[in-house]
Amino acid sequence: MLLTADVGNTNIKFGLFEGDELRYKLRISTDTRKTSDEIAALLYTFFKIHQIDSKAIDSAIISSVVPKITQPLREAIEISTGVRSLVVGPGLKTGIELRIDRPETLGGDIVCGCAGALKKYGGPLLMIFMGTATVIGYVDGSNAYRGGSIAPGVGISLDALTNNGALLPAVDLRAPKRAIRTNTVDCIRSGIVFGTACMLDGMLDKFLEEAQEDCKIIATGGLAPQMIKNCSHDIIYDGDIILEGLREIYKRNRVKS
């Protein structure tokens, strides 16, 4: 079995694959104060709850955008499974050519998401990542990553608004029925949800104009379903695409005995 780990700024998402099937998932908060032993204890508990034999896990791969937690996580996986993890970074084969100014600066989650989407849906494609930041990436018809854009994530935008507006309350992200609203809570919901959807539609229009290719559009991230259903573009939601990309990258780099 293959253990995959996608380390984001907010959460760490684990996926356990048996062959090409994603059998189990675990999400924990990203906390750079956690020791390798503490993370290992969480993994032990996860294995116990699902009656997973840790000895059956014979491989692991990590993508991380939080360097401080990468090594403790790698140690935790080794403690709990006995397996030394691959870490996505320079030197690993991904199936994607990075045609950007500084390829080493591209987040591993972006690489993995695009690798997973290329395998599953084919290219060319536009990949939307909705996490701490909202990232749109473009992969052309030759499987080359050509660049993208980064904007504040939905959660950050909402927090900035309510934390800096003394009279503005915290709200959930349920879309109102219409854009023009008559109370503060629904006005905030309208601005955040419909505003994000309009931003995505506008940026996708610009990307498609510049790419001059008929691209599939894939979105991932916890808030993506709520946002993309208000977009006019045809966008496929895939919540596990980064984990699936990790699996594909591992398959490209595994050492055959």
Protein backbone atom coordinates (compact mmCIF):
# COMPACT_ATOMS: atom_id res chain seq x y z
CA MET A 1 0.00 0.00 0.00
CA LEU A 2 1.08 3.56 -0.74
CA LEU A 3 0.68 6.34 1.84
CA THR A 4 0.43 9.82 0.33
CA ALA A 5 0.56 13.10 2.26
CA ASP A 6 -0.36 16.55 0.97
CA VAL A 7 0.87 19.21 3.41
CA GLY A 8 -0.92 22.53 2.99
CA ASN A 9 -0.79 25.69 5.06
CA THR A 10 -4.02 24.80 6.85
CA ASN A 11 -4.33 20.99 6.71
CA ILE A 12 -2.38 17.84 6.03
CA LYS A 13 -4.38 15.40 3.93
CA PHE A 14 -3.33 11.75 3.90
CA GLY A 15 -4.45 9.17 1.37
CA LEU A 16 -3.83 5.43 1.50
CA PHE A 17 -3.87 3.66 -1.86
CA GLU A 18 -4.22 -0.03 -2.53
CA GLY A 19 -3.09 -0.28 -6.12
CA ASP A 20 -4.80 2.61 -7.91
CA GLU A 21 -7.73 2.70 -5.48
CA LEU A 22 -7.85 5.39 -2.80
CA ARG A 23 -9.06 3.35 0.17
CA TYR A 24 -8.69 5.64 3.19
CA LYS A 25 -8.28 9.36 3.88
CA LEU A 26 -7.27 11.37 6.93
CA ARG A 27 -7.14 15.13 7.44
CA ILE A 28 -5.32 16.79 10.34
CA SER A 29 -4.48 20.43 11.00
CA THR A 30 -1.08 21.69 9.94
CA ASP A 31 0.75 22.55 13.16
CA THR A 32 4.49 23.15 12.97
CA ARG A 33 4.69 22.68 16.76
CA LYS A 34 3.78 19.01 16.49
CA THR A 35 6.66 16.61 16.97
CA SER A 36 7.27 13.54 14.85
CA ASP A 37 6.05 11.38 17.76
CA GLU A 38 2.79 13.32 17.99
CA ILE A 39 2.14 12.95 14.26
CA ALA A 40 3.05 9.26 14.47
CA ALA A 41 0.52 8.81 17.28
CA LEU A 42 -2.19 10.31 15.07
CA LEU A 43 -1.24 7.93 12.28
CA TYR A 44 -1.28 4.96 14.68
CA THR A 45 -4.78 5.94 15.78
CA PHE A 46 -5.90 6.27 12.16
CA PHE A 47 -4.55 2.80 11.34
CA LYS A 48 -6.19 1.31 14.41
CA ILE A 49 -9.61 2.85 13.72
CA HIS A 50 -9.65 1.47 10.19
CA GLN A 51 -7.94 -1.82 11.14
CA ILE A 52 -5.06 -1.12 8.76
CA ASP A 53 -1.94 -3.24 9.15
CA SER A 54 0.89 -0.70 9.05
CA LYS A 55 3.22 -3.46 7.82
CA ALA A 56 1.18 -3.55 4.61
CA ILE A 57 2.29 0.01 3.84
CA ASP A 58 5.44 -0.40 1.78
CA SER A 59 5.84 3.06 0.24
CA ALA A 60 5.10 6.72 0.93
CA ILE A 61 5.37 10.11 -0.77
CA ILE A 62 4.95 13.65 0.57
CA SER A 63 4.15 16.99 -1.04
CA SER A 64 4.68 19.93 1.29
CA VAL A 65 4.41 23.71 1.12
CA VAL A 66 5.36 24.01 4.83
CA PRO A 67 9.07 23.18 5.10
CA LYS A 68 9.08 23.21 8.93
CA ILE A 69 6.79 20.20 9.08
CA THR A 70 8.23 18.16 6.21
CA GLN A 71 10.99 16.45 8.18
CA PRO A 72 8.89 15.73 11.31
CA LEU A 73 6.21 14.25 9.04
CA ARG A 74 8.76 12.15 7.20
CA GLU A 75 10.06 10.86 10.54
CA ALA A 76 6.51 10.18 11.77
CA ILE A 77 5.73 8.08 8.72
CA GLU A 78 8.95 6.13 9.22
CA ILE A 79 8.13 5.60 12.92
CA SER A 80 4.61 4.36 12.20
CA THR A 81 5.26 2.31 9.04
CA GLY A 82 9.01 1.72 8.78
CA VAL A 83 8.93 3.37 5.33
CA ARG A 84 11.19 6.18 4.14
CA SER A 85 9.12 8.72 2.17
CA LEU A 86 9.86 10.33 -1.15
CA VAL A 87 9.41 14.12 -1.08
CA VAL A 88 8.17 15.94 -4.16
CA GLY A 89 10.82 18.38 -5.34
CA PRO A 90 13.61 18.94 -7.85
CA GLY A 91 14.97 15.68 -9.25
CA LEU A 92 11.72 13.71 -9.21
CA LYS A 93 10.04 12.77 -12.49
CA THR A 94 6.56 14.27 -12.69
CA GLY A 95 5.57 13.97 -16.34
CA ILE A 96 5.27 17.76 -16.53
CA GLU A 97 7.82 20.15 -18.02
CA LEU A 98 7.99 23.34 -15.94
CA ARG A 99 8.31 26.26 -18.36
CA ILE A 100 8.40 29.01 -15.74
CA ASP A 101 11.10 31.38 -14.52
CA ARG A 102 12.10 29.46 -11.39
CA PRO A 103 10.73 25.91 -11.45
CA GLU A 104 12.07 25.18 -7.95
CA THR A 105 9.67 27.74 -6.47
CA LEU A 106 6.49 26.05 -7.73
CA GLY A 107 4.54 24.43 -4.88
CA GLY A 108 4.53 20.67 -4.76
CA ASP A 109 0.74 20.67 -4.43
CA ILE A 110 0.42 22.49 -7.76
CA VAL A 111 2.72 19.99 -9.46
CA CYS A 112 0.84 17.03 -7.96
CA GLY A 113 -2.59 18.42 -8.78
CA CYS A 114 -1.62 19.04 -12.38
CA ALA A 115 0.02 15.60 -12.66
CA GLY A 116 -3.10 13.94 -11.30
CA ALA A 117 -5.39 15.93 -13.60
CA LEU A 118 -3.30 15.17 -16.68
CA LYS A 119 -3.44 11.47 -15.92
CA LYS A 120 -7.17 11.46 -15.20
CA TYR A 121 -8.55 14.03 -17.64
CA GLY A 122 -5.79 14.74 -20.15
CA GLY A 123 -4.59 18.14 -21.28
CA PRO A 124 -4.53 20.95 -22.01
CA LEU A 125 -6.05 22.07 -18.74
CA LEU A 126 -6.58 24.87 -16.28
CA MET A 127 -6.24 23.75 -12.67
CA ILE A 128 -7.84 25.75 -9.85
CA PHE A 129 -6.59 25.24 -6.29
CA MET A 130 -8.79 26.79 -3.60
CA GLY A 131 -6.99 26.70 -0.28
CA THR A 132 -5.20 29.35 1.76
CA ALA A 133 -4.54 30.94 -1.64
CA THR A 134 -6.58 30.64 -4.81
CA VAL A 135 -4.22 29.48 -7.53
CA ILE A 136 -4.95 28.93 -11.21
CA GLY A 137 -2.38 27.01 -13.25
CA TYR A 138 -2.17 26.34 -16.98
CA VAL A 139 -0.81 23.13 -18.52
CA ASP A 140 -0.63 23.20 -22.31
CA GLY A 141 -1.24 20.47 -24.84
CA SER A 142 2.37 19.28 -24.64
CA ASN A 143 2.08 18.67 -20.86
CA ALA A 144 4.13 21.76 -20.04
CA TYR A 145 3.21 23.92 -17.06
CA ARG A 146 3.24 27.46 -18.43
CA GLY A 147 2.45 29.49 -15.34
CA GLY A 148 -0.57 30.83 -13.52
CA SER A 149 -1.91 33.33 -11.02
CA ILE A 150 -2.18 33.58 -7.23
CA ALA A 151 -4.90 35.43 -5.34
CA PRO A 152 -5.91 35.53 -1.66
CA GLY A 153 -7.96 32.52 -0.66
CA VAL A 154 -11.64 32.80 0.18
CA GLY A 155 -11.04 32.27 3.90
CA ILE A 156 -8.31 34.91 4.04
CA SER A 157 -10.51 37.41 2.19
CA LEU A 158 -13.42 36.81 4.54
CA ASP A 159 -11.22 37.03 7.64
CA ALA A 160 -9.63 40.26 6.44
CA LEU A 161 -13.05 41.77 5.85
CA THR A 162 -14.67 40.82 9.15
CA ASN A 163 -11.55 41.33 11.30
CA ASN A 164 -10.96 44.83 9.96
CA GLY A 165 -14.56 45.97 9.78
CA ALA A 166 -15.69 46.72 13.34
CA LEU A 167 -19.39 46.38 12.53
CA LEU A 168 -19.10 43.43 10.14
CA PRO A 169 -20.05 40.01 11.59
CA ALA A 170 -18.46 36.66 10.79
CA VAL A 171 -20.64 34.67 8.39
CA ASP A 172 -20.78 31.26 6.78
CA LEU A 173 -20.19 30.92 3.05
CA ARG A 174 -23.68 29.94 1.97
CA ALA A 175 -24.61 31.70 -1.26
CA PRO A 176 -27.63 33.98 -1.02
CA LYS A 177 -30.46 33.63 -3.55
CA ARG A 178 -29.58 36.88 -5.31
CA ALA A 179 -26.62 39.23 -5.54
CA ILE A 180 -28.49 42.35 -4.36
CA ARG A 181 -29.24 41.81 -0.67
CA THR A 182 -30.90 43.88 2.05
CA ASN A 183 -29.01 42.87 5.22
CA THR A 184 -25.35 42.89 6.20
CA VAL A 185 -24.87 39.12 6.56
CA ASP A 186 -26.29 38.35 3.12
CA CYS A 187 -24.40 41.29 1.60
CA ILE A 188 -21.14 39.79 2.84
CA ARG A 189 -22.13 36.36 1.54
CA SER A 190 -22.98 37.89 -1.82
CA GLY A 191 -19.68 39.74 -2.05
CA ILE A 192 -17.54 36.77 -1.05
CA VAL A 193 -19.33 33.94 -2.86
CA PHE A 194 -20.49 35.70 -6.02
CA GLY A 195 -17.41 37.92 -6.03
CA THR A 196 -15.14 34.88 -5.97
CA ALA A 197 -17.18 33.18 -8.70
CA CYS A 198 -16.98 36.30 -10.89
CA MET A 199 -13.24 36.56 -10.28
CA LEU A 200 -12.78 32.93 -11.31
CA ASP A 201 -14.91 33.37 -14.43
CA GLY A 202 -13.03 36.52 -15.41
CA MET A 203 -9.61 34.98 -14.83
CA LEU A 204 -10.58 31.82 -16.72
CA ASP A 205 -11.67 33.97 -19.66
CA LYS A 206 -8.27 35.68 -19.66
CA PHE A 207 -6.40 32.38 -19.35
CA LEU A 208 -8.33 30.81 -22.23
CA GLU A 209 -7.79 33.90 -24.38
CA GLU A 210 -4.04 33.81 -23.77
CA ALA A 211 -3.68 30.02 -23.99
CA GLN A 212 -5.62 29.81 -27.26
CA GLU A 213 -6.42 26.18 -26.45
CA ASP A 214 -9.67 24.45 -25.52
CA CYS A 215 -8.79 23.55 -21.94
CA LYS A 216 -10.52 21.30 -19.46
CA ILE A 217 -11.03 23.13 -16.16
CA ILE A 218 -10.53 21.23 -12.90
CA ALA A 219 -10.93 22.60 -9.36
CA THR A 220 -9.90 21.22 -6.00
CA GLY A 221 -9.92 22.41 -2.40
CA GLY A 222 -12.45 22.41 0.41
CA LEU A 223 -14.27 25.59 -0.65
CA ALA A 224 -14.21 24.85 -4.37
CA PRO A 225 -17.65 23.13 -4.64
CA GLN A 226 -19.44 26.09 -3.10
CA MET A 227 -17.66 28.61 -5.32
CA ILE A 228 -17.61 26.90 -8.72
CA LYS A 229 -21.32 26.10 -8.74
CA ASN A 230 -21.84 29.85 -9.07
CA CYS A 231 -19.45 30.11 -12.04
CA SER A 232 -20.57 30.21 -15.66
CA HIS A 233 -17.69 28.02 -16.87
CA ASP A 234 -17.97 24.24 -16.93
CA ILE A 235 -15.65 23.28 -14.05
CA ILE A 236 -15.04 19.74 -12.78
CA TYR A 237 -14.58 19.39 -9.02
CA ASP A 238 -12.10 16.74 -7.87
CA GLY A 239 -11.27 16.79 -4.17
CA ASP A 240 -8.67 14.00 -4.32
CA ILE A 241 -6.70 15.08 -7.37
CA ILE A 242 -3.55 16.07 -5.42
CA LEU A 243 -3.44 12.68 -3.68
CA GLU A 244 -3.94 10.99 -7.04
CA GLY A 245 -1.13 13.10 -8.47
CA LEU A 246 1.13 11.99 -5.63
CA ARG A 247 0.35 8.40 -6.56
CA GLU A 248 1.25 9.04 -10.20
CA ILE A 249 4.51 10.78 -9.31
CA TYR A 250 5.43 7.93 -6.98
CA LYS A 251 4.80 5.41 -9.76
CA ARG A 252 7.15 7.38 -12.03
CA ASN A 253 9.91 7.36 -9.43
CA ARG A 254 9.64 4.05 -7.63
CA VAL A 255 12.67 1.81 -7.69
CA LYS A 256 11.83 -1.51 -9.27
CA SER A 257 13.43 -4.50 -7.57
